[in-house]
């Protein structure tokens, strides 16, 4: 899993990418914050609960933010079948 700043074009978003296999030759990503120019200086770690925690800079509001993902894919609507 990795977090990154997507500054391409009009997008100025924070995204999290989840590898589909050990070699990370396939992956899926999700935008986790897109309100303004967000995602600078991002870092990611895994908490004691096994879930990702992402810290990043919000340039628009001149602040540092933290995001605790609700699941390993960092999406609010994930449901295992």
N, C-alpha and C. Protein backbone atom coordinates (compact mmCIF):
# COMPACT_ATOMS: atom_id res chain seq x y z
N UNK A 1 0.85 -1.16 0.00
CA UNK A 1 0.00 0.00 0.00
C UNK A 1 0.89 1.22 0.00
N UNK A 2 0.45 2.24 -0.74
CA UNK A 2 1.21 3.49 -0.77
C UNK A 2 0.23 4.66 -0.90
N UNK A 3 0.68 5.81 -0.44
CA UNK A 3 -0.09 7.04 -0.59
C UNK A 3 0.72 7.98 -1.46
N UNK A 4 -0.01 8.82 -2.22
CA UNK A 4 0.70 9.76 -3.08
C UNK A 4 -0.17 10.96 -3.43
N UNK A 5 0.51 12.02 -3.84
CA UNK A 5 -0.12 13.26 -4.28
C UNK A 5 -0.30 13.20 -5.78
N UNK A 6 -1.52 13.35 -6.26
CA UNK A 6 -1.80 13.38 -7.68
C UNK A 6 -1.98 14.83 -8.09
N UNK A 7 -0.95 15.44 -8.65
CA UNK A 7 -0.98 16.84 -9.04
C UNK A 7 -1.10 17.03 -10.54
N UNK A 8 -1.52 15.99 -11.26
CA UNK A 8 -1.63 16.05 -12.71
C UNK A 8 -2.90 16.82 -13.11
N UNK A 9 -2.75 17.75 -14.03
CA UNK A 9 -3.90 18.50 -14.54
C UNK A 9 -4.60 19.28 -13.44
N UNK A 10 -5.91 19.23 -13.44
CA UNK A 10 -6.70 19.95 -12.44
C UNK A 10 -6.74 19.22 -11.10
N UNK A 11 -6.40 17.94 -11.09
CA UNK A 11 -6.42 17.16 -9.85
C UNK A 11 -5.30 17.60 -8.92
N UNK A 12 -5.63 17.78 -7.69
CA UNK A 12 -4.65 18.08 -6.63
C UNK A 12 -5.08 17.25 -5.43
N UNK A 13 -5.07 15.93 -5.61
CA UNK A 13 -5.70 15.00 -4.67
C UNK A 13 -4.71 14.09 -3.96
N UNK A 14 -5.16 13.59 -2.81
CA UNK A 14 -4.44 12.54 -2.09
C UNK A 14 -5.05 11.21 -2.49
N UNK A 15 -4.21 10.29 -2.92
CA UNK A 15 -4.68 8.97 -3.32
C UNK A 15 -3.93 7.89 -2.56
N UNK A 16 -4.59 6.75 -2.40
CA UNK A 16 -3.99 5.57 -1.76
C UNK A 16 -4.11 4.44 -2.77
N UNK A 17 -3.00 3.73 -2.94
CA UNK A 17 -2.97 2.63 -3.90
C UNK A 17 -2.72 1.32 -3.15
N UNK A 18 -3.48 0.31 -3.50
CA UNK A 18 -3.38 -1.00 -2.86
C UNK A 18 -2.91 -2.01 -3.90
N UNK A 19 -1.79 -2.68 -3.63
CA UNK A 19 -1.23 -3.66 -4.56
C UNK A 19 -2.14 -4.88 -4.65
N UNK A 20 -2.25 -5.41 -5.86
CA UNK A 20 -3.08 -6.59 -6.09
C UNK A 20 -2.33 -7.90 -5.86
N UNK A 21 -0.98 -7.82 -5.77
CA UNK A 21 -0.18 -9.02 -5.53
C UNK A 21 1.13 -8.61 -4.86
N UNK A 22 1.93 -9.58 -4.49
CA UNK A 22 3.17 -9.31 -3.76
C UNK A 22 4.14 -8.46 -4.58
N UNK A 23 4.21 -8.69 -5.87
CA UNK A 23 5.12 -7.94 -6.73
C UNK A 23 4.57 -6.55 -7.06
N UNK A 24 3.33 -6.29 -6.73
CA UNK A 24 2.65 -5.01 -6.99
C UNK A 24 2.64 -4.69 -8.50
N UNK A 25 2.51 -5.74 -9.32
CA UNK A 25 2.43 -5.55 -10.76
C UNK A 25 1.02 -5.15 -11.20
N UNK A 26 0.06 -5.28 -10.30
CA UNK A 26 -1.28 -4.76 -10.53
C UNK A 26 -1.75 -4.09 -9.25
N UNK A 27 -2.56 -3.07 -9.40
CA UNK A 27 -3.01 -2.33 -8.22
C UNK A 27 -4.31 -1.59 -8.51
N UNK A 28 -4.94 -1.13 -7.45
CA UNK A 28 -6.11 -0.27 -7.56
C UNK A 28 -5.87 0.93 -6.66
N UNK A 29 -6.46 2.06 -7.02
CA UNK A 29 -6.28 3.25 -6.20
C UNK A 29 -7.63 3.88 -5.90
N UNK A 30 -7.64 4.67 -4.85
CA UNK A 30 -8.83 5.40 -4.45
C UNK A 30 -8.41 6.80 -4.02
N UNK A 31 -9.21 7.79 -4.38
CA UNK A 31 -8.99 9.16 -3.92
C UNK A 31 -9.58 9.27 -2.52
N UNK A 32 -8.75 9.63 -1.55
CA UNK A 32 -9.23 9.71 -0.16
C UNK A 32 -9.46 11.13 0.32
N UNK A 33 -8.90 12.13 -0.38
CA UNK A 33 -9.19 13.53 -0.07
C UNK A 33 -8.99 14.32 -1.35
N UNK A 34 -9.97 15.15 -1.69
CA UNK A 34 -9.88 15.94 -2.92
C UNK A 34 -10.37 17.37 -2.73
N UNK A 35 -10.54 17.78 -1.48
CA UNK A 35 -11.05 19.13 -1.18
C UNK A 35 -9.90 20.14 -1.23
N UNK A 36 -9.69 20.75 -2.38
CA UNK A 36 -8.61 21.72 -2.53
C UNK A 36 -7.33 21.06 -3.00
N UNK A 37 -6.21 21.65 -2.65
CA UNK A 37 -4.89 21.15 -3.01
C UNK A 37 -4.36 20.36 -1.82
N UNK A 38 -4.58 19.05 -1.83
CA UNK A 38 -4.25 18.19 -0.68
C UNK A 38 -3.37 17.03 -1.11
N UNK A 39 -2.58 16.51 -0.18
CA UNK A 39 -1.78 15.33 -0.44
C UNK A 39 -0.29 15.55 -0.47
N UNK A 40 0.16 16.77 -0.28
CA UNK A 40 1.60 17.04 -0.29
C UNK A 40 2.26 16.35 0.90
N UNK A 41 3.51 15.97 0.74
CA UNK A 41 4.34 15.39 1.81
C UNK A 41 3.65 14.25 2.53
N UNK A 42 3.06 13.36 1.79
CA UNK A 42 2.30 12.27 2.37
C UNK A 42 3.20 11.14 2.87
N UNK A 43 2.74 10.48 3.91
CA UNK A 43 3.40 9.28 4.40
C UNK A 43 2.32 8.34 4.90
N UNK A 44 2.64 7.05 4.93
CA UNK A 44 1.66 6.05 5.32
C UNK A 44 2.32 5.03 6.23
N UNK A 45 1.56 4.54 7.18
CA UNK A 45 2.02 3.49 8.08
C UNK A 45 0.83 2.61 8.41
N UNK A 46 1.09 1.50 9.04
CA UNK A 46 0.03 0.60 9.47
C UNK A 46 -0.03 0.65 10.99
N UNK A 47 -1.22 0.93 11.51
CA UNK A 47 -1.40 1.03 12.95
C UNK A 47 -1.46 -0.33 13.62
N UNK A 48 -1.56 -0.32 14.93
CA UNK A 48 -1.62 -1.57 15.70
C UNK A 48 -2.90 -2.35 15.40
N UNK A 49 -3.91 -1.68 14.84
CA UNK A 49 -5.15 -2.36 14.46
C UNK A 49 -5.05 -2.98 13.07
N UNK A 50 -3.90 -2.82 12.40
CA UNK A 50 -3.70 -3.40 11.07
C UNK A 50 -4.22 -2.55 9.93
N UNK A 51 -4.72 -1.36 10.24
CA UNK A 51 -5.27 -0.49 9.21
C UNK A 51 -4.33 0.67 8.91
N UNK A 52 -4.34 1.14 7.67
CA UNK A 52 -3.45 2.23 7.26
C UNK A 52 -3.80 3.55 7.95
N UNK A 53 -2.76 4.32 8.23
CA UNK A 53 -2.90 5.70 8.70
C UNK A 53 -2.05 6.56 7.78
N UNK A 54 -2.65 7.60 7.20
CA UNK A 54 -1.98 8.46 6.24
C UNK A 54 -1.89 9.87 6.81
N UNK A 55 -0.71 10.45 6.77
CA UNK A 55 -0.56 11.86 7.12
C UNK A 55 -0.17 12.61 5.86
N UNK A 56 -0.62 13.88 5.78
CA UNK A 56 -0.36 14.66 4.58
C UNK A 56 -0.58 16.14 4.84
N UNK A 57 -0.13 16.95 3.90
CA UNK A 57 -0.27 18.40 4.01
C UNK A 57 -1.42 18.88 3.14
N UNK A 58 -2.27 19.71 3.71
CA UNK A 58 -3.36 20.37 3.00
C UNK A 58 -2.88 21.79 2.71
N UNK A 59 -2.47 22.04 1.46
CA UNK A 59 -1.92 23.34 1.09
C UNK A 59 -3.00 24.41 1.10
N UNK A 60 -4.20 24.07 0.66
CA UNK A 60 -5.30 25.04 0.60
C UNK A 60 -5.59 25.65 1.97
N UNK A 61 -5.63 24.82 3.02
CA UNK A 61 -5.94 25.29 4.37
C UNK A 61 -4.70 25.46 5.24
N UNK A 62 -3.51 25.30 4.64
CA UNK A 62 -2.24 25.45 5.35
C UNK A 62 -2.24 24.65 6.66
N UNK A 63 -2.47 23.33 6.53
CA UNK A 63 -2.51 22.48 7.72
C UNK A 63 -1.97 21.09 7.40
N UNK A 64 -1.70 20.34 8.45
CA UNK A 64 -1.30 18.94 8.34
C UNK A 64 -2.50 18.12 8.79
N UNK A 65 -2.80 17.06 8.05
CA UNK A 65 -3.96 16.23 8.34
C UNK A 65 -3.55 14.78 8.50
N UNK A 66 -4.40 14.03 9.18
CA UNK A 66 -4.21 12.59 9.33
C UNK A 66 -5.50 11.89 8.97
N UNK A 67 -5.37 10.72 8.38
CA UNK A 67 -6.52 9.94 7.95
C UNK A 67 -6.34 8.50 8.37
N UNK A 68 -7.25 7.99 9.18
CA UNK A 68 -7.23 6.59 9.59
C UNK A 68 -8.20 5.84 8.71
N UNK A 69 -7.69 4.93 7.88
CA UNK A 69 -8.54 4.20 6.94
C UNK A 69 -9.47 3.24 7.68
N UNK A 70 -10.72 3.12 7.22
CA UNK A 70 -11.68 2.24 7.88
C UNK A 70 -11.48 0.75 7.57
N UNK A 71 -10.66 0.45 6.55
CA UNK A 71 -10.36 -0.93 6.17
C UNK A 71 -9.04 -0.93 5.40
N UNK A 72 -8.56 -2.11 5.03
CA UNK A 72 -7.25 -2.20 4.38
C UNK A 72 -7.22 -1.56 3.01
N UNK A 73 -8.38 -1.37 2.38
CA UNK A 73 -8.44 -0.76 1.06
C UNK A 73 -8.65 0.74 1.13
N UNK A 74 -8.88 1.26 2.32
CA UNK A 74 -9.05 2.69 2.57
C UNK A 74 -10.28 3.27 1.86
N UNK A 75 -11.33 2.48 1.79
CA UNK A 75 -12.59 2.95 1.21
C UNK A 75 -13.71 2.78 2.23
N UNK A 76 -14.62 3.72 2.27
CA UNK A 76 -15.70 3.69 3.24
C UNK A 76 -16.81 2.72 2.89
N UNK A 77 -16.89 2.29 1.65
CA UNK A 77 -18.00 1.46 1.22
C UNK A 77 -17.63 0.01 0.95
N UNK A 78 -16.44 -0.42 1.36
CA UNK A 78 -15.98 -1.78 1.09
C UNK A 78 -16.80 -2.80 1.88
N UNK A 79 -17.23 -3.85 1.20
CA UNK A 79 -17.96 -4.93 1.85
C UNK A 79 -17.47 -6.26 1.30
N UNK A 80 -17.02 -7.14 2.18
CA UNK A 80 -16.55 -8.46 1.76
C UNK A 80 -17.73 -9.34 1.43
N UNK A 81 -17.60 -10.09 0.35
CA UNK A 81 -18.68 -11.00 -0.04
C UNK A 81 -18.35 -12.42 0.29
